[in-house]
């Protein structure tokens, strides 16, 4: 799932080299937190108008998480 977020983010932003994605799992591997960091000038592109881009990324992650049987949370830092 980390690779999915990284691929989408790098396709959207102007500075793809500044995209950093980290993945943290809970102790029981039932919950995953994905943290996405981008350059400050690209935050608007990642969030999108009224949060539509961020919500679309979260929706795609939820679909991927269901296939793996985990819960996922995307944090944009």
N, C-alpha and C. Protein backbone atom coordinates (compact mmCIF):
# COMPACT_ATOMS: atom_id res chain seq x y z
N UNK A 1 0.82 -1.19 0.00
CA UNK A 1 0.00 0.00 0.00
C UNK A 1 0.86 1.26 0.00
N UNK A 2 2.03 1.15 0.59
CA UNK A 2 2.96 2.28 0.60
C UNK A 2 3.34 2.66 -0.83
N UNK A 3 3.55 1.66 -1.66
CA UNK A 3 3.95 1.91 -3.05
C UNK A 3 2.83 2.59 -3.82
N UNK A 4 1.59 2.23 -3.52
CA UNK A 4 0.44 2.85 -4.19
C UNK A 4 0.38 4.34 -3.89
N UNK A 5 0.52 4.70 -2.63
CA UNK A 5 0.49 6.11 -2.23
C UNK A 5 1.64 6.87 -2.86
N UNK A 6 2.81 6.27 -2.85
CA UNK A 6 3.99 6.92 -3.42
C UNK A 6 3.82 7.15 -4.92
N UNK A 7 3.29 6.17 -5.63
CA UNK A 7 3.09 6.28 -7.07
C UNK A 7 2.10 7.41 -7.39
N UNK A 8 0.99 7.45 -6.66
CA UNK A 8 -0.03 8.48 -6.91
C UNK A 8 0.52 9.86 -6.60
N UNK A 9 1.18 9.99 -5.45
CA UNK A 9 1.69 11.29 -5.03
C UNK A 9 2.74 11.83 -6.00
N UNK A 10 3.64 10.97 -6.44
CA UNK A 10 4.69 11.43 -7.36
C UNK A 10 4.12 11.84 -8.71
N UNK A 11 3.00 11.27 -9.10
CA UNK A 11 2.36 11.64 -10.36
C UNK A 11 1.67 12.99 -10.27
N UNK A 12 1.29 13.40 -9.07
CA UNK A 12 0.50 14.63 -8.90
C UNK A 12 1.38 15.85 -8.66
N UNK A 13 2.43 15.72 -7.87
CA UNK A 13 3.20 16.88 -7.40
C UNK A 13 4.18 17.39 -8.44
N UNK A 14 4.67 18.62 -8.19
CA UNK A 14 5.68 19.22 -9.06
C UNK A 14 7.08 18.79 -8.67
N UNK A 15 7.29 18.46 -7.40
CA UNK A 15 8.60 18.04 -6.91
C UNK A 15 8.53 16.59 -6.42
N UNK A 16 8.57 15.61 -7.33
CA UNK A 16 8.41 14.21 -6.92
C UNK A 16 9.56 13.69 -6.06
N UNK A 17 10.73 14.34 -6.10
CA UNK A 17 11.84 13.89 -5.28
C UNK A 17 11.63 14.18 -3.79
N UNK A 18 10.72 15.11 -3.48
CA UNK A 18 10.45 15.47 -2.09
C UNK A 18 9.34 14.63 -1.45
N UNK A 19 8.81 13.67 -2.18
CA UNK A 19 7.74 12.81 -1.65
C UNK A 19 8.36 11.74 -0.76
N UNK A 20 7.86 11.67 0.49
CA UNK A 20 8.32 10.65 1.43
C UNK A 20 7.11 9.94 2.00
N UNK A 21 7.12 8.63 1.94
CA UNK A 21 6.01 7.82 2.44
C UNK A 21 6.56 6.84 3.46
N UNK A 22 5.97 6.84 4.66
CA UNK A 22 6.35 5.87 5.68
C UNK A 22 5.12 5.07 6.07
N UNK A 23 5.36 3.83 6.45
CA UNK A 23 4.26 2.93 6.81
C UNK A 23 4.53 2.35 8.20
N UNK A 24 3.54 2.47 9.08
CA UNK A 24 3.65 1.92 10.43
C UNK A 24 2.51 0.94 10.65
N UNK A 25 2.82 -0.21 11.20
CA UNK A 25 1.79 -1.20 11.49
C UNK A 25 1.64 -1.35 12.99
N UNK A 26 0.44 -1.72 13.42
CA UNK A 26 0.20 -1.95 14.84
C UNK A 26 0.81 -3.28 15.25
N UNK A 27 0.79 -3.54 16.54
CA UNK A 27 1.41 -4.77 17.05
C UNK A 27 0.74 -6.03 16.51
N UNK A 28 -0.56 -5.98 16.32
CA UNK A 28 -1.27 -7.16 15.84
C UNK A 28 -1.45 -7.17 14.32
N UNK A 29 -0.81 -6.23 13.62
CA UNK A 29 -0.85 -6.13 12.15
C UNK A 29 -2.27 -5.95 11.60
N UNK A 30 -3.19 -5.43 12.41
CA UNK A 30 -4.56 -5.23 11.96
C UNK A 30 -4.80 -3.79 11.52
N UNK A 31 -3.89 -2.88 11.84
CA UNK A 31 -4.08 -1.48 11.50
C UNK A 31 -2.76 -0.92 10.94
N UNK A 32 -2.87 -0.19 9.83
CA UNK A 32 -1.70 0.38 9.18
C UNK A 32 -1.90 1.89 9.08
N UNK A 33 -0.86 2.64 9.44
CA UNK A 33 -0.87 4.10 9.30
C UNK A 33 0.17 4.46 8.25
N UNK A 34 -0.26 5.15 7.21
CA UNK A 34 0.64 5.59 6.14
C UNK A 34 0.75 7.11 6.24
N UNK A 35 1.99 7.58 6.37
CA UNK A 35 2.25 9.01 6.49
C UNK A 35 2.89 9.50 5.20
N UNK A 36 2.30 10.54 4.64
CA UNK A 36 2.75 11.11 3.37
C UNK A 36 3.27 12.51 3.61
N UNK A 37 4.53 12.74 3.24
CA UNK A 37 5.14 14.06 3.35
C UNK A 37 5.50 14.55 1.95
N UNK A 38 5.11 15.80 1.66
CA UNK A 38 5.45 16.42 0.38
C UNK A 38 5.99 17.81 0.65
N UNK A 39 6.54 18.45 -0.37
CA UNK A 39 7.02 19.81 -0.25
C UNK A 39 5.85 20.73 0.06
N UNK A 40 6.13 21.82 0.75
CA UNK A 40 5.06 22.71 1.19
C UNK A 40 4.26 23.29 0.02
N UNK A 41 4.90 23.52 -1.12
CA UNK A 41 4.16 24.08 -2.26
C UNK A 41 3.29 23.03 -2.96
N UNK A 42 3.50 21.76 -2.65
CA UNK A 42 2.70 20.69 -3.26
C UNK A 42 1.56 20.19 -2.38
N UNK A 43 1.44 20.70 -1.18
CA UNK A 43 0.38 20.22 -0.28
C UNK A 43 -1.01 20.48 -0.86
N UNK A 44 -1.19 21.59 -1.52
CA UNK A 44 -2.47 21.91 -2.13
C UNK A 44 -2.84 20.92 -3.23
N UNK A 45 -1.85 20.48 -3.97
CA UNK A 45 -2.11 19.50 -5.03
C UNK A 45 -2.51 18.15 -4.45
N UNK A 46 -1.88 17.75 -3.35
CA UNK A 46 -2.19 16.47 -2.73
C UNK A 46 -3.56 16.49 -2.07
N UNK A 47 -3.90 17.60 -1.44
CA UNK A 47 -5.20 17.70 -0.76
C UNK A 47 -6.31 17.92 -1.78
N UNK A 48 -6.10 18.78 -2.74
CA UNK A 48 -7.09 19.03 -3.77
C UNK A 48 -8.18 19.97 -3.31
N UNK A 49 -9.02 20.37 -4.23
CA UNK A 49 -10.14 21.26 -3.88
C UNK A 49 -11.11 20.52 -2.98
N UNK A 50 -11.38 21.12 -1.83
CA UNK A 50 -12.28 20.57 -0.83
C UNK A 50 -11.88 19.16 -0.41
N UNK A 51 -10.59 18.84 -0.54
CA UNK A 51 -10.07 17.56 -0.09
C UNK A 51 -10.41 16.38 -0.97
N UNK A 52 -10.76 16.64 -2.19
CA UNK A 52 -11.20 15.55 -3.08
C UNK A 52 -10.08 14.59 -3.45
N UNK A 53 -8.88 15.09 -3.71
CA UNK A 53 -7.77 14.22 -4.09
C UNK A 53 -7.37 13.34 -2.90
N UNK A 54 -7.28 13.96 -1.72
CA UNK A 54 -6.92 13.20 -0.52
C UNK A 54 -7.98 12.14 -0.22
N UNK A 55 -9.23 12.47 -0.38
CA UNK A 55 -10.30 11.51 -0.13
C UNK A 55 -10.28 10.37 -1.15
N UNK A 56 -9.94 10.68 -2.40
CA UNK A 56 -9.84 9.63 -3.41
C UNK A 56 -8.68 8.68 -3.09
N UNK A 57 -7.57 9.22 -2.61
CA UNK A 57 -6.45 8.37 -2.22
C UNK A 57 -6.84 7.47 -1.04
N UNK A 58 -7.55 8.02 -0.10
CA UNK A 58 -8.00 7.23 1.06
C UNK A 58 -8.96 6.12 0.62
N UNK A 59 -9.82 6.42 -0.34
CA UNK A 59 -10.75 5.41 -0.84
C UNK A 59 -9.99 4.26 -1.50
N UNK A 60 -9.01 4.58 -2.33
CA UNK A 60 -8.20 3.54 -2.97
C UNK A 60 -7.46 2.70 -1.93
N UNK A 61 -6.97 3.35 -0.88
CA UNK A 61 -6.28 2.61 0.17
C UNK A 61 -7.22 1.67 0.91
N UNK A 62 -8.45 2.13 1.15
CA UNK A 62 -9.43 1.27 1.83
C UNK A 62 -9.70 0.01 1.00
N UNK A 63 -9.81 0.16 -0.30
CA UNK A 63 -10.05 -0.99 -1.17
C UNK A 63 -8.87 -1.96 -1.10
N UNK A 64 -7.66 -1.43 -1.16
CA UNK A 64 -6.47 -2.28 -1.07
C UNK A 64 -6.37 -2.95 0.30
N UNK A 65 -6.78 -2.23 1.34
CA UNK A 65 -6.71 -2.77 2.70
C UNK A 65 -7.70 -3.90 2.90
N UNK A 66 -8.87 -3.81 2.30
CA UNK A 66 -9.86 -4.88 2.42
C UNK A 66 -9.31 -6.17 1.83
N UNK A 67 -8.60 -6.06 0.73
CA UNK A 67 -8.02 -7.25 0.11
C UNK A 67 -6.99 -7.92 1.02
N UNK A 68 -6.28 -7.10 1.82
CA UNK A 68 -5.27 -7.64 2.72
C UNK A 68 -5.83 -7.94 4.11
N UNK A 69 -7.05 -7.53 4.37
CA UNK A 69 -7.68 -7.81 5.65
C UNK A 69 -7.19 -6.93 6.78
N UNK A 70 -6.83 -5.68 6.48
CA UNK A 70 -6.37 -4.74 7.50
C UNK A 70 -7.15 -3.43 7.38
N UNK A 71 -6.97 -2.57 8.37
CA UNK A 71 -7.53 -1.21 8.31
C UNK A 71 -6.38 -0.27 8.04
N UNK A 72 -6.66 0.80 7.30
CA UNK A 72 -5.59 1.71 6.92
C UNK A 72 -6.02 3.15 7.17
N UNK A 73 -5.03 3.99 7.50
CA UNK A 73 -5.26 5.41 7.74
C UNK A 73 -4.16 6.18 7.03
N UNK A 74 -4.54 7.20 6.26
CA UNK A 74 -3.58 8.03 5.54
C UNK A 74 -3.48 9.38 6.24
N UNK A 75 -2.26 9.74 6.61
CA UNK A 75 -2.00 11.05 7.22
C UNK A 75 -1.12 11.85 6.29
N UNK A 76 -1.54 13.07 5.98
CA UNK A 76 -0.75 13.96 5.14
C UNK A 76 -0.07 14.96 6.06
N UNK A 77 1.26 14.92 6.05
CA UNK A 77 2.03 15.75 6.97
C UNK A 77 2.60 16.94 6.23
